[in-house]
Every structure is written in C-alpha cells, then in structure tokens.
Amino acid sequence: MKKNTTQNKPKYYHYGYRYIKPQDEPEDWDYAIQMHKNQNGTHFDFRLAKPGHDYAYSWASRKPPLNITSPILTRRTHDHTIEHMDFEGPLETARGTGTVQLLKRGKTKLHSIDDKGIKFKLDTGEFLLLTNVKGKKYILTTPT
C-alpha cells in the first residue's frame, strides 16, 4: 500500500459531524486505526466508512482499540476524507504538528446501527461502539 505523505497529498479536510443513520442489515464497511502523536501526547483514531461515501466517521481514544480487554472511552471527532484513512506521515493542523501511523486498515462487517450505538466485527472479534445521550462520547467494548 502506498504511503501518503504531506508531499504528495496537499491537504485533508474535516467534514464536520454527519448523522450516522440507523441500519439493521449487515454490510461490509471499511475501517482504519491510526496512531497520532502530537504535542498533546498520543491518541488513536478509529474510522468507519460506508461503501460509496467519500467520508469516514471518526472517533479518538487514549487507548488502542485493538484486542480490548476492558471498555475504552472514545470521543467522536470530525468526519474525515476516505483518503485520510490511508494517511501516514507528518501532519500539520491548526492545533499543531505531529505524526500519524497507520496501524490497521481493512473491511469490517457492520451488523447494525441504532440509537444505542454501532455493532461490528473485526478480525480480532465483535465490538460495540455505544453512545451516550450527548452523542460525542462513546464506549468501545465487546458484547457480553
């Protein structure tokens, strides 16, 4: 996979927060997990993209969302371009500079989306991304 850098990719854009529509039919979506290091420390970005859309829903967490053993607090962030899901390298934003490393990229089986959250499967297991009433804070966990 070709690495994107700031030299061959001039800019990425935030889309704001799009509504995540309910869905009860399973569907294959794209996902990416990136590690972002900047002046505020390290966080992990988790992105989900519906087929045919040019943007990815995004969440950030302080803990890596791979092989989780206990629930992880995540925060919904601005939607990003599909191209940003493959991004690795130095990054400059209005908030400062940093580096992004792509940890995982692939397909996920999205099982459902409802007012409680998103249920999906990665190669490491089944996951629930549960929302609260405010909609920006989520808990990433595994089904019990």
C-alpha atoms as a PDB file:
ATOM      1  CA  MET A   1       0.000   0.000   0.000  1.00  0.00           C
ATOM      2  CA  LYS A   2       1.405   3.398  -0.961  1.00  0.00           C
ATOM      3  CA  LYS A   3       2.065   5.689   1.965  1.00  0.00           C
ATOM      4  CA  ASN A   4       0.524   9.123   1.756  1.00  0.00           C
ATOM      5  CA  THR A   5       2.665  11.993   2.911  1.00  0.00           C
ATOM      6  CA  THR A   6       2.216  15.724   3.090  1.00  0.00           C
ATOM      7  CA  GLN A   7       4.430  15.945  -0.010  1.00  0.00           C
ATOM      8  CA  ASN A   8       2.050  14.001  -2.288  1.00  0.00           C
ATOM      9  CA  LYS A   9      -1.200  14.885  -0.530  1.00  0.00           C
ATOM     10  CA  PRO A  10      -1.678  18.629  -0.208  1.00  0.00           C
ATOM     11  CA  LYS A  11      -4.405  18.733   2.422  1.00  0.00           C
ATOM     12  CA  TYR A  12      -7.097  16.744   4.153  1.00  0.00           C
ATOM     13  CA  TYR A  13     -10.420  18.210   5.142  1.00  0.00           C
ATOM     14  CA  HIS A  14     -12.738  17.769   8.067  1.00  0.00           C
ATOM     15  CA  TYR A  15     -16.388  17.377   7.095  1.00  0.00           C
ATOM     16  CA  GLY A  16     -17.934  18.155  10.476  1.00  0.00           C
ATOM     17  CA  TYR A  17     -20.205  15.615  12.129  1.00  0.00           C
ATOM     18  CA  ARG A  18     -22.582  13.727   9.866  1.00  0.00           C
ATOM     19  CA  TYR A  19     -25.572  11.904  11.290  1.00  0.00           C
ATOM     20  CA  ILE A  20     -24.973   8.150  11.414  1.00  0.00           C
ATOM     21  CA  LYS A  21     -28.164   6.655  10.005  1.00  0.00           C
ATOM     22  CA  PRO A  22     -29.718   3.584  11.649  1.00  0.00           C
ATOM     23  CA  GLN A  23     -29.104   0.334   9.806  1.00  0.00           C
ATOM     24  CA  ASP A  24     -30.245  -3.181  10.609  1.00  0.00           C
ATOM     25  CA  GLU A  25     -28.881  -5.058   7.601  1.00  0.00           C
ATOM     26  CA  PRO A  26     -25.274  -6.331   7.809  1.00  0.00           C
ATOM     27  CA  GLU A  27     -22.914  -4.629   5.379  1.00  0.00           C
ATOM     28  CA  ASP A  28     -19.165  -4.602   4.723  1.00  0.00           C
ATOM     29  CA  TRP A  29     -17.612  -1.240   5.612  1.00  0.00           C
ATOM     30  CA  ASP A  30     -14.013  -0.027   5.531  1.00  0.00           C
ATOM     31  CA  TYR A  31     -12.158   0.755   8.722  1.00  0.00           C
ATOM     32  CA  ALA A  32      -8.802   2.184   9.765  1.00  0.00           C
ATOM     33  CA  ILE A  33      -6.954   2.504  13.046  1.00  0.00           C
ATOM     34  CA  GLN A  34      -4.239   5.151  13.224  1.00  0.00           C
ATOM     35  CA  MET A  35      -1.865   6.229  15.987  1.00  0.00           C
ATOM     36  CA  HIS A  36      -1.478  10.013  16.179  1.00  0.00           C
ATOM     37  CA  LYS A  37       1.400  11.526  18.157  1.00  0.00           C
ATOM     38  CA  ASN A  38       1.456  15.276  18.755  1.00  0.00           C
ATOM     39  CA  GLN A  39       2.322  17.871  21.389  1.00  0.00           C
ATOM     40  CA  ASN A  40      -0.664  16.702  23.490  1.00  0.00           C
ATOM     41  CA  GLY A  41       0.555  13.101  23.631  1.00  0.00           C
ATOM     42  CA  THR A  42      -0.585  10.004  21.786  1.00  0.00           C
ATOM     43  CA  HIS A  43      -4.107   9.046  20.811  1.00  0.00           C
ATOM     44  CA  PHE A  44      -5.656   6.512  18.472  1.00  0.00           C
ATOM     45  CA  ASP A  45      -8.114   7.292  15.686  1.00  0.00           C
ATOM     46  CA  PHE A  46     -10.735   4.736  14.686  1.00  0.00           C
ATOM     47  CA  ARG A  47     -12.542   5.363  11.392  1.00  0.00           C
ATOM     48  CA  LEU A  48     -15.532   3.658   9.733  1.00  0.00           C
ATOM     49  CA  ALA A  49     -16.569   4.315   6.126  1.00  0.00           C
ATOM     50  CA  LYS A  50     -19.798   3.191   4.466  1.00  0.00           C
ATOM     51  CA  PRO A  51     -19.450   1.919   0.880  1.00  0.00           C
ATOM     52  CA  GLY A  52     -19.998   4.675  -1.664  1.00  0.00           C
ATOM     53  CA  HIS A  53     -19.381   7.523   0.773  1.00  0.00           C
ATOM     54  CA  ASP A  54     -16.424   9.883   0.413  1.00  0.00           C
ATOM     55  CA  TYR A  55     -16.017  10.372   4.161  1.00  0.00           C
ATOM     56  CA  ALA A  56     -15.328   8.294   7.262  1.00  0.00           C
ATOM     57  CA  TYR A  57     -16.960   8.588  10.665  1.00  0.00           C
ATOM     58  CA  SER A  58     -14.189   9.051  13.226  1.00  0.00           C
ATOM     59  CA  TRP A  59     -13.512   8.517  16.936  1.00  0.00           C
ATOM     60  CA  ALA A  60     -10.429   9.125  19.085  1.00  0.00           C
ATOM     61  CA  SER A  61      -9.253   7.317  22.217  1.00  0.00           C
ATOM     62  CA  ARG A  62      -6.221   7.395  24.503  1.00  0.00           C
ATOM     63  CA  LYS A  63      -6.015   3.582  24.434  1.00  0.00           C
ATOM     64  CA  PRO A  64      -5.504   1.453  21.316  1.00  0.00           C
ATOM     65  CA  PRO A  65      -8.784  -0.016  20.020  1.00  0.00           C
ATOM     66  CA  LEU A  66      -7.184  -3.373  19.181  1.00  0.00           C
ATOM     67  CA  ASN A  67      -7.712  -6.502  21.302  1.00  0.00           C
ATOM     68  CA  ILE A  68      -9.503  -4.611  24.045  1.00  0.00           C
ATOM     69  CA  THR A  69      -9.916  -6.290  27.432  1.00  0.00           C
ATOM     70  CA  SER A  70     -11.985  -3.574  29.119  1.00  0.00           C
ATOM     71  CA  PRO A  71     -14.247  -0.785  27.817  1.00  0.00           C
ATOM     72  CA  ILE A  72     -12.484   2.199  26.237  1.00  0.00           C
ATOM     73  CA  LEU A  73     -13.811   5.750  26.331  1.00  0.00           C
ATOM     74  CA  THR A  74     -13.822   7.265  22.839  1.00  0.00           C
ATOM     75  CA  ARG A  75     -14.834  10.675  21.562  1.00  0.00           C
ATOM     76  CA  ARG A  76     -16.481  11.283  18.221  1.00  0.00           C
ATOM     77  CA  THR A  77     -14.325  13.563  16.107  1.00  0.00           C
ATOM     78  CA  HIS A  78     -14.953  15.305  12.821  1.00  0.00           C
ATOM     79  CA  ASP A  79     -15.573  13.085   9.831  1.00  0.00           C
ATOM     80  CA  HIS A  80     -12.517  12.715   7.605  1.00  0.00           C
ATOM     81  CA  THR A  81     -11.972  12.016   3.922  1.00  0.00           C
ATOM     82  CA  ILE A  82     -11.630   8.438   2.738  1.00  0.00           C
ATOM     83  CA  GLU A  83      -8.088   9.311   1.629  1.00  0.00           C
ATOM     84  CA  HIS A  84      -7.169  10.208   5.200  1.00  0.00           C
ATOM     85  CA  MET A  85      -7.858   6.603   6.245  1.00  0.00           C
ATOM     86  CA  ASP A  86      -4.629   5.616   4.421  1.00  0.00           C
ATOM     87  CA  PHE A  87      -2.579   8.565   5.641  1.00  0.00           C
ATOM     88  CA  GLU A  88       0.782   8.056   7.329  1.00  0.00           C
ATOM     89  CA  GLY A  89       3.445  10.646   7.982  1.00  0.00           C
ATOM     90  CA  PRO A  90       3.902  14.146   9.332  1.00  0.00           C
ATOM     91  CA  LEU A  91       0.750  16.180   9.850  1.00  0.00           C
ATOM     92  CA  GLU A  92       0.210  19.881  10.418  1.00  0.00           C
ATOM     93  CA  THR A  93      -3.139  21.147  11.655  1.00  0.00           C
ATOM     94  CA  ALA A  94      -4.460  24.291  13.280  1.00  0.00           C
ATOM     95  CA  ARG A  95      -3.808  22.589  16.628  1.00  0.00           C
ATOM     96  CA  GLY A  96      -0.148  21.864  15.916  1.00  0.00           C
ATOM     97  CA  THR A  97       2.114  19.293  14.328  1.00  0.00           C
ATOM     98  CA  GLY A  98       2.506  15.573  14.782  1.00  0.00           C
ATOM     99  CA  THR A  99       2.878  12.230  13.068  1.00  0.00           C
ATOM    100  CA  VAL A 100       0.331   9.620  12.054  1.00  0.00           C
ATOM    101  CA  GLN A 101       0.997   5.891  11.763  1.00  0.00           C
ATOM    102  CA  LEU A 102      -1.495   3.551  10.098  1.00  0.00           C
ATOM    103  CA  LEU A 103      -1.852   0.517  12.381  1.00  0.00           C
ATOM    104  CA  LYS A 104      -4.653  -1.393  10.679  1.00  0.00           C
ATOM    105  CA  ARG A 105      -6.772  -0.985   7.537  1.00  0.00           C
ATOM    106  CA  GLY A 106      -9.386  -3.348   6.191  1.00  0.00           C
ATOM    107  CA  LYS A 107     -13.006  -4.413   5.965  1.00  0.00           C
ATOM    108  CA  THR A 108     -15.396  -4.784   8.866  1.00  0.00           C
ATOM    109  CA  LYS A 109     -18.772  -6.473   8.964  1.00  0.00           C
ATOM    110  CA  LEU A 110     -21.083  -3.793  10.300  1.00  0.00           C
ATOM    111  CA  HIS A 111     -24.031  -5.626  11.866  1.00  0.00           C
ATOM    112  CA  SER A 112     -26.260  -2.757  12.969  1.00  0.00           C
ATOM    113  CA  ILE A 113     -26.570   0.899  13.898  1.00  0.00           C
ATOM    114  CA  ASP A 114     -29.284   2.108  16.252  1.00  0.00           C
ATOM    115  CA  ASP A 115     -29.820   4.801  18.880  1.00  0.00           C
ATOM    116  CA  LYS A 116     -27.634   2.835  21.319  1.00  0.00           C
ATOM    117  CA  GLY A 117     -24.618   2.607  19.026  1.00  0.00           C
ATOM    118  CA  ILE A 118     -22.857   0.550  16.375  1.00  0.00           C
ATOM    119  CA  LYS A 119     -22.249  -3.213  16.373  1.00  0.00           C
ATOM    120  CA  PHE A 120     -19.478  -4.522  14.121  1.00  0.00           C
ATOM    121  CA  LYS A 121     -16.918  -7.297  13.707  1.00  0.00           C
ATOM    122  CA  LEU A 122     -13.189  -7.021  13.062  1.00  0.00           C
ATOM    123  CA  ASP A 123     -10.755  -9.896  12.646  1.00  0.00           C
ATOM    124  CA  THR A 124      -9.984  -9.527  16.385  1.00  0.00           C
ATOM    125  CA  GLY A 125     -13.611 -10.020  17.458  1.00  0.00           C
ATOM    126  CA  GLU A 126     -17.050  -8.463  17.905  1.00  0.00           C
ATOM    127  CA  PHE A 127     -17.354  -4.876  19.125  1.00  0.00           C
ATOM    128  CA  LEU A 128     -19.965  -2.395  20.282  1.00  0.00           C
ATOM    129  CA  LEU A 129     -19.465   1.342  19.985  1.00  0.00           C
ATOM    130  CA  LEU A 130     -22.047   2.582  22.484  1.00  0.00           C
ATOM    131  CA  THR A 131     -23.140   6.210  22.541  1.00  0.00           C
ATOM    132  CA  ASN A 132     -24.443   8.399  25.326  1.00  0.00           C
ATOM    133  CA  VAL A 133     -27.252  10.938  25.074  1.00  0.00           C
ATOM    134  CA  LYS A 134     -24.909  13.772  24.047  1.00  0.00           C
ATOM    135  CA  GLY A 135     -23.709  11.750  21.082  1.00  0.00           C
ATOM    136  CA  LYS A 136     -19.987  12.641  21.100  1.00  0.00           C
ATOM    137  CA  LYS A 137     -18.779  10.325  23.853  1.00  0.00           C
ATOM    138  CA  TYR A 138     -18.818   6.625  23.090  1.00  0.00           C
ATOM    139  CA  ILE A 139     -17.689   3.473  24.847  1.00  0.00           C
ATOM    140  CA  LEU A 140     -15.916   0.842  22.746  1.00  0.00           C
ATOM    141  CA  THR A 141     -16.498  -2.570  24.270  1.00  0.00           C
ATOM    142  CA  THR A 142     -17.133  -6.200  23.438  1.00  0.00           C
ATOM    143  CA  PRO A 143     -20.557  -7.875  23.730  1.00  0.00           C
ATOM    144  CA  THR A 144     -21.190  -9.721  26.985  1.00  0.00           C
END
